[in-house]
C-alpha cells in the first residue's frame, strides 16, 4: 500500500514540476511541446487505425476460410 502511495506522490510531483517548467518556458518552447504532443497523438491515432484495419482483415480472412471449410465438408459428405 505504501509503495503505491509513494509512486502516486512521485508521479504527482513530476507532473507539477513539468507544469511549472512549461509555464516558465518561452512561447517558442511551449509551442514545441504542443507540437510534440500533437505529433504523438497523431501517431497514436494512426497506429490505432492501422491496428483496427488489420484486425478487420484477419476477421474477414477467418470468415472466408471458415466458409471454404464448411463448403468442403458439405461436398465431402455428399
N, C-alpha and C. Protein backbone atom coordinates (compact mmCIF):
# COMPACT_ATOMS: atom_id res chain seq x y z
N UNK A 1 0.82 -1.19 0.00
CA UNK A 1 0.00 0.00 0.00
C UNK A 1 0.86 1.25 0.00
N UNK A 2 1.96 1.21 0.77
CA UNK A 2 2.83 2.37 0.86
C UNK A 2 3.55 2.67 -0.44
N UNK A 3 3.92 1.62 -1.17
CA UNK A 3 4.64 1.84 -2.42
C UNK A 3 3.73 2.47 -3.47
N UNK A 4 2.46 2.11 -3.45
CA UNK A 4 1.50 2.72 -4.38
C UNK A 4 1.37 4.21 -4.07
N UNK A 5 1.27 4.53 -2.80
CA UNK A 5 1.14 5.93 -2.39
C UNK A 5 2.39 6.71 -2.77
N UNK A 6 3.56 6.12 -2.52
CA UNK A 6 4.81 6.81 -2.85
C UNK A 6 4.93 7.00 -4.36
N UNK A 7 4.53 5.99 -5.12
CA UNK A 7 4.57 6.10 -6.58
C UNK A 7 3.63 7.18 -7.08
N UNK A 8 2.44 7.24 -6.49
CA UNK A 8 1.47 8.26 -6.87
C UNK A 8 1.98 9.65 -6.53
N UNK A 9 2.58 9.79 -5.35
CA UNK A 9 3.14 11.09 -4.96
C UNK A 9 4.29 11.49 -5.88
N UNK A 10 5.12 10.53 -6.26
CA UNK A 10 6.22 10.83 -7.18
C UNK A 10 5.69 11.26 -8.54
N UNK A 11 4.67 10.57 -9.02
CA UNK A 11 4.07 10.93 -10.30
C UNK A 11 3.43 12.31 -10.23
N UNK A 12 2.75 12.59 -9.15
CA UNK A 12 2.15 13.91 -8.95
C UNK A 12 3.23 14.99 -8.89
N UNK A 13 4.32 14.71 -8.22
CA UNK A 13 5.43 15.66 -8.14
C UNK A 13 6.05 15.92 -9.50
N UNK A 14 6.23 14.87 -10.28
CA UNK A 14 6.79 15.04 -11.63
C UNK A 14 5.84 15.84 -12.51
N UNK A 15 4.55 15.59 -12.37
CA UNK A 15 3.56 16.35 -13.14
C UNK A 15 3.59 17.82 -12.78
N UNK A 16 3.68 18.11 -11.48
CA UNK A 16 3.74 19.51 -11.03
C UNK A 16 5.02 20.19 -11.52
N UNK A 17 6.13 19.46 -11.48
CA UNK A 17 7.39 20.02 -11.98
C UNK A 17 7.31 20.29 -13.48
N UNK A 18 6.74 19.37 -14.23
CA UNK A 18 6.61 19.56 -15.67
C UNK A 18 5.71 20.75 -15.97
N UNK A 19 4.61 20.88 -15.23
CA UNK A 19 3.69 22.00 -15.43
C UNK A 19 4.39 23.32 -15.11
N UNK A 20 5.13 23.37 -14.02
CA UNK A 20 5.84 24.59 -13.63
C UNK A 20 6.88 24.96 -14.69
N UNK A 21 7.61 23.95 -15.16
CA UNK A 21 8.63 24.20 -16.17
C UNK A 21 8.00 24.69 -17.47
N UNK A 22 6.85 24.11 -17.84
CA UNK A 22 6.14 24.52 -19.05
C UNK A 22 5.68 25.97 -18.93
N UNK A 23 5.13 26.33 -17.79
CA UNK A 23 4.63 27.69 -17.60
C UNK A 23 5.76 28.72 -17.59
N UNK A 24 6.95 28.34 -17.14
CA UNK A 24 8.08 29.26 -17.08
C UNK A 24 8.85 29.33 -18.40
N UNK A 25 8.53 28.45 -19.35
CA UNK A 25 9.28 28.43 -20.61
C UNK A 25 8.79 29.53 -21.56
N UNK A 26 9.57 29.77 -22.59
CA UNK A 26 9.23 30.80 -23.57
C UNK A 26 8.08 30.31 -24.45
N UNK A 27 7.39 31.22 -25.12
CA UNK A 27 6.31 30.79 -26.02
C UNK A 27 6.78 29.83 -27.12
N UNK A 28 8.01 30.00 -27.60
CA UNK A 28 8.53 29.09 -28.61
C UNK A 28 8.71 27.68 -28.05
N UNK A 29 9.21 27.60 -26.82
CA UNK A 29 9.38 26.29 -26.19
C UNK A 29 8.02 25.66 -25.90
N UNK A 30 7.05 26.47 -25.50
CA UNK A 30 5.70 25.95 -25.26
C UNK A 30 5.11 25.40 -26.56
N UNK A 31 5.33 26.11 -27.65
CA UNK A 31 4.81 25.64 -28.93
C UNK A 31 5.49 24.34 -29.35
N UNK A 32 6.79 24.22 -29.06
CA UNK A 32 7.50 22.98 -29.38
C UNK A 32 6.91 21.81 -28.60
N UNK A 33 6.58 22.04 -27.34
CA UNK A 33 5.96 20.99 -26.53
C UNK A 33 4.59 20.62 -27.09
N UNK A 34 3.80 21.62 -27.46
CA UNK A 34 2.48 21.36 -28.04
C UNK A 34 2.60 20.58 -29.33
N UNK A 35 3.60 20.92 -30.16
CA UNK A 35 3.81 20.21 -31.41
C UNK A 35 4.18 18.75 -31.17
N UNK A 36 5.04 18.51 -30.17
CA UNK A 36 5.42 17.14 -29.85
C UNK A 36 4.21 16.33 -29.37
N UNK A 37 3.37 16.94 -28.55
CA UNK A 37 2.18 16.25 -28.04
C UNK A 37 1.23 15.94 -29.19
N UNK A 38 1.02 16.91 -30.07
CA UNK A 38 0.12 16.69 -31.20
C UNK A 38 0.65 15.62 -32.16
N UNK A 39 1.96 15.63 -32.38
CA UNK A 39 2.57 14.61 -33.24
C UNK A 39 2.41 13.23 -32.62
N UNK A 40 2.65 13.13 -31.32
CA UNK A 40 2.48 11.84 -30.64
C UNK A 40 1.03 11.38 -30.70
N UNK A 41 0.10 12.30 -30.54
CA UNK A 41 -1.33 11.96 -30.61
C UNK A 41 -1.69 11.47 -32.01
N UNK A 42 -1.19 12.16 -33.03
CA UNK A 42 -1.46 11.75 -34.41
C UNK A 42 -0.88 10.37 -34.71
N UNK A 43 0.34 10.13 -34.24
CA UNK A 43 0.98 8.84 -34.45
C UNK A 43 0.21 7.72 -33.75
N UNK A 44 -0.26 8.00 -32.55
CA UNK A 44 -1.01 7.00 -31.80
C UNK A 44 -2.35 6.72 -32.48
N UNK A 45 -2.99 7.75 -32.99
CA UNK A 45 -4.26 7.57 -33.70
C UNK A 45 -4.04 6.75 -34.96
N UNK A 46 -2.98 7.07 -35.70
CA UNK A 46 -2.67 6.32 -36.92
C UNK A 46 -2.38 4.86 -36.61
N UNK A 47 -1.62 4.62 -35.55
CA UNK A 47 -1.31 3.25 -35.15
C UNK A 47 -2.58 2.49 -34.78
N UNK A 48 -3.48 3.14 -34.05
CA UNK A 48 -4.75 2.51 -33.68
C UNK A 48 -5.60 2.18 -34.89
N UNK A 49 -5.66 3.10 -35.84
CA UNK A 49 -6.43 2.86 -37.06
C UNK A 49 -5.83 1.73 -37.89
N UNK A 50 -4.51 1.69 -37.99
CA UNK A 50 -3.84 0.61 -38.72
C UNK A 50 -4.12 -0.74 -38.05
N UNK A 51 -4.03 -0.76 -36.74
CA UNK A 51 -4.28 -1.99 -35.99
C UNK A 51 -5.71 -2.46 -36.19
N UNK A 52 -6.64 -1.53 -36.17
CA UNK A 52 -8.05 -1.87 -36.35
C UNK A 52 -8.30 -2.43 -37.75
N UNK A 53 -7.72 -1.80 -38.76
CA UNK A 53 -7.94 -2.29 -40.12
C UNK A 53 -7.31 -3.67 -40.33
N UNK A 54 -6.14 -3.90 -39.74
CA UNK A 54 -5.51 -5.22 -39.86
C UNK A 54 -6.33 -6.28 -39.13
N UNK A 55 -6.88 -5.93 -37.99
CA UNK A 55 -7.73 -6.88 -37.26
C UNK A 55 -8.97 -7.21 -38.07
N UNK A 56 -9.55 -6.21 -38.72
CA UNK A 56 -10.73 -6.46 -39.56
C UNK A 56 -10.38 -7.36 -40.74
N UNK A 57 -9.19 -7.15 -41.32
CA UNK A 57 -8.75 -8.01 -42.42
C UNK A 57 -8.61 -9.46 -41.96
N UNK A 58 -8.03 -9.66 -40.79
CA UNK A 58 -7.85 -11.02 -40.26
C UNK A 58 -9.21 -11.67 -40.00
N UNK A 59 -10.16 -10.90 -39.49
CA UNK A 59 -11.51 -11.43 -39.25
C UNK A 59 -12.14 -11.85 -40.57
N UNK A 60 -12.01 -11.01 -41.58
CA UNK A 60 -12.58 -11.36 -42.89
C UNK A 60 -11.93 -12.61 -43.47
N UNK A 61 -10.62 -12.72 -43.33
CA UNK A 61 -9.91 -13.91 -43.82
C UNK A 61 -10.37 -15.16 -43.08
N UNK A 62 -10.58 -15.03 -41.77
CA UNK A 62 -11.03 -16.17 -40.98
C UNK A 62 -12.44 -16.58 -41.39
N UNK A 63 -13.30 -15.59 -41.64
CA UNK A 63 -14.67 -15.89 -42.09
C UNK A 63 -14.64 -16.59 -43.44
N UNK A 64 -13.82 -16.11 -44.35
CA UNK A 64 -13.71 -16.73 -45.67
C UNK A 64 -13.19 -18.16 -45.56
N UNK A 65 -12.18 -18.36 -44.74
CA UNK A 65 -11.61 -19.70 -44.57
C UNK A 65 -12.65 -20.63 -43.94
N UNK A 66 -13.41 -20.14 -42.97
CA UNK A 66 -14.44 -20.96 -42.34
C UNK A 66 -15.51 -21.32 -43.36
N UNK A 67 -15.88 -20.38 -44.22
CA UNK A 67 -16.86 -20.67 -45.27
C UNK A 67 -16.36 -21.71 -46.24
N UNK A 68 -15.08 -21.63 -46.60
CA UNK A 68 -14.49 -22.62 -47.50
C UNK A 68 -14.47 -24.00 -46.87
N UNK A 69 -14.09 -24.07 -45.60
CA UNK A 69 -14.05 -25.36 -44.91
C UNK A 69 -15.45 -25.95 -44.78
N UNK A 70 -16.42 -25.10 -44.51
CA UNK A 70 -17.81 -25.56 -44.41
C UNK A 70 -18.27 -26.14 -45.74
N UNK A 71 -17.92 -25.48 -46.82
CA UNK A 71 -18.29 -25.95 -48.16
C UNK A 71 -17.59 -27.27 -48.48
N UNK A 72 -16.33 -27.38 -48.09
CA UNK A 72 -15.59 -28.62 -48.32
C UNK A 72 -16.21 -29.79 -47.54
N UNK A 73 -16.64 -29.53 -46.32
CA UNK A 73 -17.27 -30.58 -45.53
C UNK A 73 -18.59 -31.00 -46.17
N UNK A 74 -19.36 -30.04 -46.63
CA UNK A 74 -20.62 -30.36 -47.31
C UNK A 74 -20.37 -31.19 -48.56
N UNK A 75 -19.36 -30.80 -49.34
CA UNK A 75 -19.04 -31.51 -50.58
C UNK A 75 -18.56 -32.94 -50.30
N UNK A 76 -17.75 -33.10 -49.27
CA UNK A 76 -17.23 -34.44 -48.97
C UNK A 76 -18.30 -35.34 -48.35
N UNK A 77 -19.31 -34.73 -47.71
CA UNK A 77 -20.39 -35.52 -47.12
C UNK A 77 -21.34 -36.04 -48.19
N UNK A 78 -21.40 -35.42 -49.33
CA UNK A 78 -22.34 -35.84 -50.39
C UNK A 78 -21.84 -36.96 -51.19
